[in-house]
Every structure is written in structure tokens, then in C-alpha cells.
């Protein structure tokens, strides 16, 4: 059974919510200072400590995570034989590793890093805490696994 837009949007919402919670957990334990919502918010404002930065960032993360990213994952998983927890987790790990590898370039595009209100992430984001690389990869793994599992449930034939 094919998965339609409603399944993709719902799976993206579930996956984005769980990934955001996983990354927040890493922050709450003090393993990282990385806040995806604040970093995305820094594309719009130059101070991550004002509520607007985190609010805009979270809104954009949910919009992208529930629509465009979920659709891309679904398309790739379709080419991998269909959505599943495993194929989603694999895609999440690949994306997470890519994000970690690209973190040093964040200083070139983030207004908050450019003006010094947030330190540069450094190699692999380690300047934001030793747990940053693992947290980012784990967050993306959670996203992919949740998305793949939810899409697989929608694609399964009814009982």
C-alpha cells in the first residue's frame, strides 16, 4: 500500500517531536550546548537568547521535519524496498554524520556565531560539548527510525 501525504506528514510530526525530545535530553544532561531550534532561529535573528530565535527555529524545524524532510526520507526508503524502522534509522545515521561533519561551516552562515553570541562549533561541534556529535547522530537516528516505523505502519495492510 502506498503512503500518501497525510501519512508522510503525520510520520514527520511524530519523528520531529521524538528527535527534538532526544536532543533536548542531551542538553538537559549537560552533554551539549547545541540547540537545533536556536541555531535555525539564528538564520532570522542574531541573538539566540531571545525567545523569538528559539520559537522561529522550532517552527521551521517542525515545518521542514514534517514535510520536506519526511517526503525525502519516504522517497529514499521507497527506493530501498519500502519504509521500515531499519531503513529509516540508517538514513538518520547518514544524515546525522553529514550534519556533524558540516558543523564547522555553521560559523559562515549563522548570524549568532558571526557576532559572537554563540561560540563557533569547532571540529565536529565539540566546542559545544563532548556529547554534541553523538547527540546529533542519535537525534537523527531517532528521527529516521520513528519516521520509517510510522510510515511502515501506515503502509501495512489493515488487520
C-alpha atoms as a PDB file:
ATOM      1  CA  UNK A   1       0.000   0.000   0.000  1.00  0.00           C
ATOM      2  CA  UNK A   2       1.382   3.410  -0.941  1.00  0.00           C
ATOM      3  CA  UNK A   3       1.834   6.078   1.675  1.00  0.00           C
ATOM      4  CA  UNK A   4       0.125   9.360   0.937  1.00  0.00           C
ATOM      5  CA  UNK A   5       0.819  12.888   2.077  1.00  0.00           C
ATOM      6  CA  UNK A   6      -1.241  12.532   5.226  1.00  0.00           C
ATOM      7  CA  UNK A   7       0.855   9.539   6.327  1.00  0.00           C
ATOM      8  CA  UNK A   8       4.082  11.372   5.499  1.00  0.00           C
ATOM      9  CA  UNK A   9       3.009  14.499   7.395  1.00  0.00           C
ATOM     10  CA  UNK A  10       1.906  12.520  10.431  1.00  0.00           C
ATOM     11  CA  UNK A  11       5.064  10.375  10.428  1.00  0.00           C
ATOM     12  CA  UNK A  12       7.164  13.528  10.056  1.00  0.00           C
ATOM     13  CA  UNK A  13       5.421  15.150  13.000  1.00  0.00           C
ATOM     14  CA  UNK A  14       5.965  12.105  15.214  1.00  0.00           C
ATOM     15  CA  UNK A  15       9.597  11.793  14.123  1.00  0.00           C
ATOM     16  CA  UNK A  16      10.364  15.503  14.570  1.00  0.00           C
ATOM     17  CA  UNK A  17       8.808  15.524  18.030  1.00  0.00           C
ATOM     18  CA  UNK A  18      10.823  12.497  19.174  1.00  0.00           C
ATOM     19  CA  UNK A  19      14.086  13.776  17.664  1.00  0.00           C
ATOM     20  CA  UNK A  20      13.640  17.181  19.318  1.00  0.00           C
ATOM     21  CA  UNK A  21      12.992  15.438  22.632  1.00  0.00           C
ATOM     22  CA  UNK A  22      16.136  13.307  22.248  1.00  0.00           C
ATOM     23  CA  UNK A  23      18.281  16.355  21.510  1.00  0.00           C
ATOM     24  CA  UNK A  24      16.716  18.234  24.414  1.00  0.00           C
ATOM     25  CA  UNK A  25      17.574  15.293  26.672  1.00  0.00           C
ATOM     26  CA  UNK A  26      21.237  15.600  25.691  1.00  0.00           C
ATOM     27  CA  UNK A  27      21.112  19.308  26.567  1.00  0.00           C
ATOM     28  CA  UNK A  28      19.387  18.699  29.886  1.00  0.00           C
ATOM     29  CA  UNK A  29      22.163  16.329  30.954  1.00  0.00           C
ATOM     30  CA  UNK A  30      24.745  18.985  30.053  1.00  0.00           C
ATOM     31  CA  UNK A  31      26.350  16.836  27.342  1.00  0.00           C
ATOM     32  CA  UNK A  32      25.936  19.544  24.708  1.00  0.00           C
ATOM     33  CA  UNK A  33      25.005  23.188  24.331  1.00  0.00           C
ATOM     34  CA  UNK A  34      23.671  22.558  20.819  1.00  0.00           C
ATOM     35  CA  UNK A  35      20.075  23.639  20.339  1.00  0.00           C
ATOM     36  CA  UNK A  36      18.792  22.942  16.836  1.00  0.00           C
ATOM     37  CA  UNK A  37      15.885  25.352  17.307  1.00  0.00           C
ATOM     38  CA  UNK A  38      18.193  28.181  18.424  1.00  0.00           C
ATOM     39  CA  UNK A  39      20.645  27.517  15.595  1.00  0.00           C
ATOM     40  CA  UNK A  40      17.886  27.593  12.974  1.00  0.00           C
ATOM     41  CA  UNK A  41      16.473  30.694  14.670  1.00  0.00           C
ATOM     42  CA  UNK A  42      19.868  32.340  14.214  1.00  0.00           C
ATOM     43  CA  UNK A  43      19.186  32.439  10.477  1.00  0.00           C
ATOM     44  CA  UNK A  44      16.496  35.025  11.279  1.00  0.00           C
ATOM     45  CA  UNK A  45      17.756  36.874  14.365  1.00  0.00           C
ATOM     46  CA  UNK A  46      21.260  37.451  15.696  1.00  0.00           C
ATOM     47  CA  UNK A  47      20.714  36.617  19.370  1.00  0.00           C
ATOM     48  CA  UNK A  48      19.783  33.025  20.317  1.00  0.00           C
ATOM     49  CA  UNK A  49      18.784  34.062  23.844  1.00  0.00           C
ATOM     50  CA  UNK A  50      15.690  35.972  22.824  1.00  0.00           C
ATOM     51  CA  UNK A  51      12.548  33.813  22.697  1.00  0.00           C
ATOM     52  CA  UNK A  52      11.900  34.729  19.061  1.00  0.00           C
ATOM     53  CA  UNK A  53      15.029  32.856  17.942  1.00  0.00           C
ATOM     54  CA  UNK A  54      14.036  29.579  19.578  1.00  0.00           C
ATOM     55  CA  UNK A  55      10.379  29.983  18.566  1.00  0.00           C
ATOM     56  CA  UNK A  56      11.115  30.685  14.899  1.00  0.00           C
ATOM     57  CA  UNK A  57      13.711  27.933  14.835  1.00  0.00           C
ATOM     58  CA  UNK A  58      11.333  25.374  16.311  1.00  0.00           C
ATOM     59  CA  UNK A  59       8.610  26.389  13.867  1.00  0.00           C
ATOM     60  CA  UNK A  60      10.952  25.996  10.900  1.00  0.00           C
ATOM     61  CA  UNK A  61      12.270  22.658  12.217  1.00  0.00           C
ATOM     62  CA  UNK A  62       8.729  21.317  12.527  1.00  0.00           C
ATOM     63  CA  UNK A  63       7.690  22.631   9.104  1.00  0.00           C
ATOM     64  CA  UNK A  64      10.719  21.083   7.395  1.00  0.00           C
ATOM     65  CA  UNK A  65      10.719  17.907   9.513  1.00  0.00           C
ATOM     66  CA  UNK A  66       7.054  17.177   8.907  1.00  0.00           C
ATOM     67  CA  UNK A  67       7.010  17.966   5.198  1.00  0.00           C
ATOM     68  CA  UNK A  68      10.108  18.257   3.010  1.00  0.00           C
ATOM     69  CA  UNK A  69      12.495  16.078   5.025  1.00  0.00           C
ATOM     70  CA  UNK A  70       9.809  13.467   5.698  1.00  0.00           C
ATOM     71  CA  UNK A  71       8.964  13.349   1.994  1.00  0.00           C
ATOM     72  CA  UNK A  72      12.644  12.956   1.043  1.00  0.00           C
ATOM     73  CA  UNK A  73      13.121  10.154   3.565  1.00  0.00           C
ATOM     74  CA  UNK A  74       9.945   8.448   2.307  1.00  0.00           C
ATOM     75  CA  UNK A  75      11.143   8.670  -1.291  1.00  0.00           C
ATOM     76  CA  UNK A  76      14.553   7.228  -0.468  1.00  0.00           C
ATOM     77  CA  UNK A  77      13.023   4.461   1.680  1.00  0.00           C
ATOM     78  CA  UNK A  78      10.663   3.609  -1.158  1.00  0.00           C
ATOM     79  CA  UNK A  79      13.758   3.022  -3.293  1.00  0.00           C
ATOM     80  CA  UNK A  80      15.239   0.868  -0.523  1.00  0.00           C
ATOM     81  CA  UNK A  81      12.324  -1.557  -0.619  1.00  0.00           C
ATOM     82  CA  UNK A  82       9.829   0.366   1.472  1.00  0.00           C
ATOM     83  CA  UNK A  83       9.727   2.206   4.752  1.00  0.00           C
ATOM     84  CA  UNK A  84      10.880   0.432   7.888  1.00  0.00           C
ATOM     85  CA  UNK A  85      12.427   1.202  11.231  1.00  0.00           C
ATOM     86  CA  UNK A  86      15.782  -0.100   9.970  1.00  0.00           C
ATOM     87  CA  UNK A  87      15.906   1.800   6.696  1.00  0.00           C
ATOM     88  CA  UNK A  88      14.807   4.980   8.459  1.00  0.00           C
ATOM     89  CA  UNK A  89      17.434   4.541  11.184  1.00  0.00           C
ATOM     90  CA  UNK A  90      20.136   4.008   8.549  1.00  0.00           C
ATOM     91  CA  UNK A  91      19.128   7.190   6.712  1.00  0.00           C
ATOM     92  CA  UNK A  92      19.044   9.061  10.015  1.00  0.00           C
ATOM     93  CA  UNK A  93      22.573   7.988  10.905  1.00  0.00           C
ATOM     94  CA  UNK A  94      23.829   9.009   7.449  1.00  0.00           C
ATOM     95  CA  UNK A  95      22.178  12.419   7.776  1.00  0.00           C
ATOM     96  CA  UNK A  96      23.410  12.841  11.356  1.00  0.00           C
ATOM     97  CA  UNK A  97      27.014  12.104  10.376  1.00  0.00           C
ATOM     98  CA  UNK A  98      26.720  14.577   7.492  1.00  0.00           C
ATOM     99  CA  UNK A  99      25.370  17.275   9.824  1.00  0.00           C
ATOM    100  CA  UNK A 100      28.191  16.703  12.314  1.00  0.00           C
ATOM    101  CA  UNK A 101      30.748  16.902   9.501  1.00  0.00           C
ATOM    102  CA  UNK A 102      29.233  20.190   8.292  1.00  0.00           C
ATOM    103  CA  UNK A 103      29.033  21.854  11.722  1.00  0.00           C
ATOM    104  CA  UNK A 104      32.324  23.763  11.352  1.00  0.00           C
ATOM    105  CA  UNK A 105      30.866  25.617   8.356  1.00  0.00           C
ATOM    106  CA  UNK A 106      28.000  26.879  10.531  1.00  0.00           C
ATOM    107  CA  UNK A 107      30.125  29.850  11.537  1.00  0.00           C
ATOM    108  CA  UNK A 108      29.963  31.116   7.970  1.00  0.00           C
ATOM    109  CA  UNK A 109      26.153  31.218   7.831  1.00  0.00           C
ATOM    110  CA  UNK A 110      24.920  31.685  11.400  1.00  0.00           C
ATOM    111  CA  UNK A 111      24.433  35.290  12.481  1.00  0.00           C
ATOM    112  CA  UNK A 112      24.788  34.198  16.121  1.00  0.00           C
ATOM    113  CA  UNK A 113      28.187  32.610  15.541  1.00  0.00           C
ATOM    114  CA  UNK A 114      29.342  35.507  13.361  1.00  0.00           C
ATOM    115  CA  UNK A 115      28.553  38.120  16.029  1.00  0.00           C
ATOM    116  CA  UNK A 116      29.959  36.029  18.885  1.00  0.00           C
ATOM    117  CA  UNK A 117      26.733  35.454  20.812  1.00  0.00           C
ATOM    118  CA  UNK A 118      27.287  31.714  20.270  1.00  0.00           C
ATOM    119  CA  UNK A 119      30.772  30.197  20.104  1.00  0.00           C
ATOM    120  CA  UNK A 120      31.812  28.521  16.882  1.00  0.00           C
ATOM    121  CA  UNK A 121      31.039  24.804  16.997  1.00  0.00           C
ATOM    122  CA  UNK A 122      34.600  23.759  16.244  1.00  0.00           C
ATOM    123  CA  UNK A 123      35.590  20.406  14.774  1.00  0.00           C
ATOM    124  CA  UNK A 124      32.608  18.024  14.913  1.00  0.00           C
ATOM    125  CA  UNK A 125      30.806  20.506  17.168  1.00  0.00           C
ATOM    126  CA  UNK A 126      32.995  19.613  20.138  1.00  0.00           C
ATOM    127  CA  UNK A 127      33.184  23.252  21.296  1.00  0.00           C
ATOM    128  CA  UNK A 128      29.501  22.899  22.198  1.00  0.00           C
ATOM    129  CA  UNK A 129      30.183  19.881  24.397  1.00  0.00           C
ATOM    130  CA  UNK A 130      31.700  16.419  24.109  1.00  0.00           C
ATOM    131  CA  UNK A 131      28.281  14.874  23.573  1.00  0.00           C
ATOM    132  CA  UNK A 132      27.385  17.076  20.623  1.00  0.00           C
ATOM    133  CA  UNK A 133      28.377  14.671  17.814  1.00  0.00           C
ATOM    134  CA  UNK A 134      26.695  11.694  19.495  1.00  0.00           C
ATOM    135  CA  UNK A 135      23.604  13.752  20.325  1.00  0.00           C
ATOM    136  CA  UNK A 136      23.208  14.961  16.767  1.00  0.00           C
ATOM    137  CA  UNK A 137      23.669  11.494  15.281  1.00  0.00           C
ATOM    138  CA  UNK A 138      21.320   9.974  17.872  1.00  0.00           C
ATOM    139  CA  UNK A 139      18.701  12.675  17.242  1.00  0.00           C
ATOM    140  CA  UNK A 140      18.775  11.973  13.515  1.00  0.00           C
ATOM    141  CA  UNK A 141      18.709   8.217  14.143  1.00  0.00           C
ATOM    142  CA  UNK A 142      15.579   8.689  16.279  1.00  0.00           C
ATOM    143  CA  UNK A 143      14.032  10.838  13.540  1.00  0.00           C
ATOM    144  CA  UNK A 144      14.709   8.285  10.812  1.00  0.00           C
ATOM    145  CA  UNK A 145      13.681   5.260  12.861  1.00  0.00           C
ATOM    146  CA  UNK A 146      10.441   6.887  14.028  1.00  0.00           C
ATOM    147  CA  UNK A 147       9.626   8.093  10.529  1.00  0.00           C
ATOM    148  CA  UNK A 148      10.340   4.700   8.959  1.00  0.00           C
ATOM    149  CA  UNK A 149       8.373   2.788  11.597  1.00  0.00           C
ATOM    150  CA  UNK A 150       5.391   5.147  11.384  1.00  0.00           C
ATOM    151  CA  UNK A 151       5.342   5.042   7.579  1.00  0.00           C
ATOM    152  CA  UNK A 152       5.606   1.237   7.688  1.00  0.00           C
ATOM    153  CA  UNK A 153       2.596   1.134   9.994  1.00  0.00           C
ATOM    154  CA  UNK A 154       0.607   3.294   7.580  1.00  0.00           C
ATOM    155  CA  UNK A 155       1.681   1.101   4.643  1.00  0.00           C
ATOM    156  CA  UNK A 156       0.775  -2.167   6.354  1.00  0.00           C
ATOM    157  CA  UNK A 157      -2.437  -3.803   5.233  1.00  0.00           C
ATOM    158  CA  UNK A 158      -5.314  -3.483   7.692  1.00  0.00           C
ATOM    159  CA  UNK A 159      -5.910  -6.391  10.046  1.00  0.00           C
END
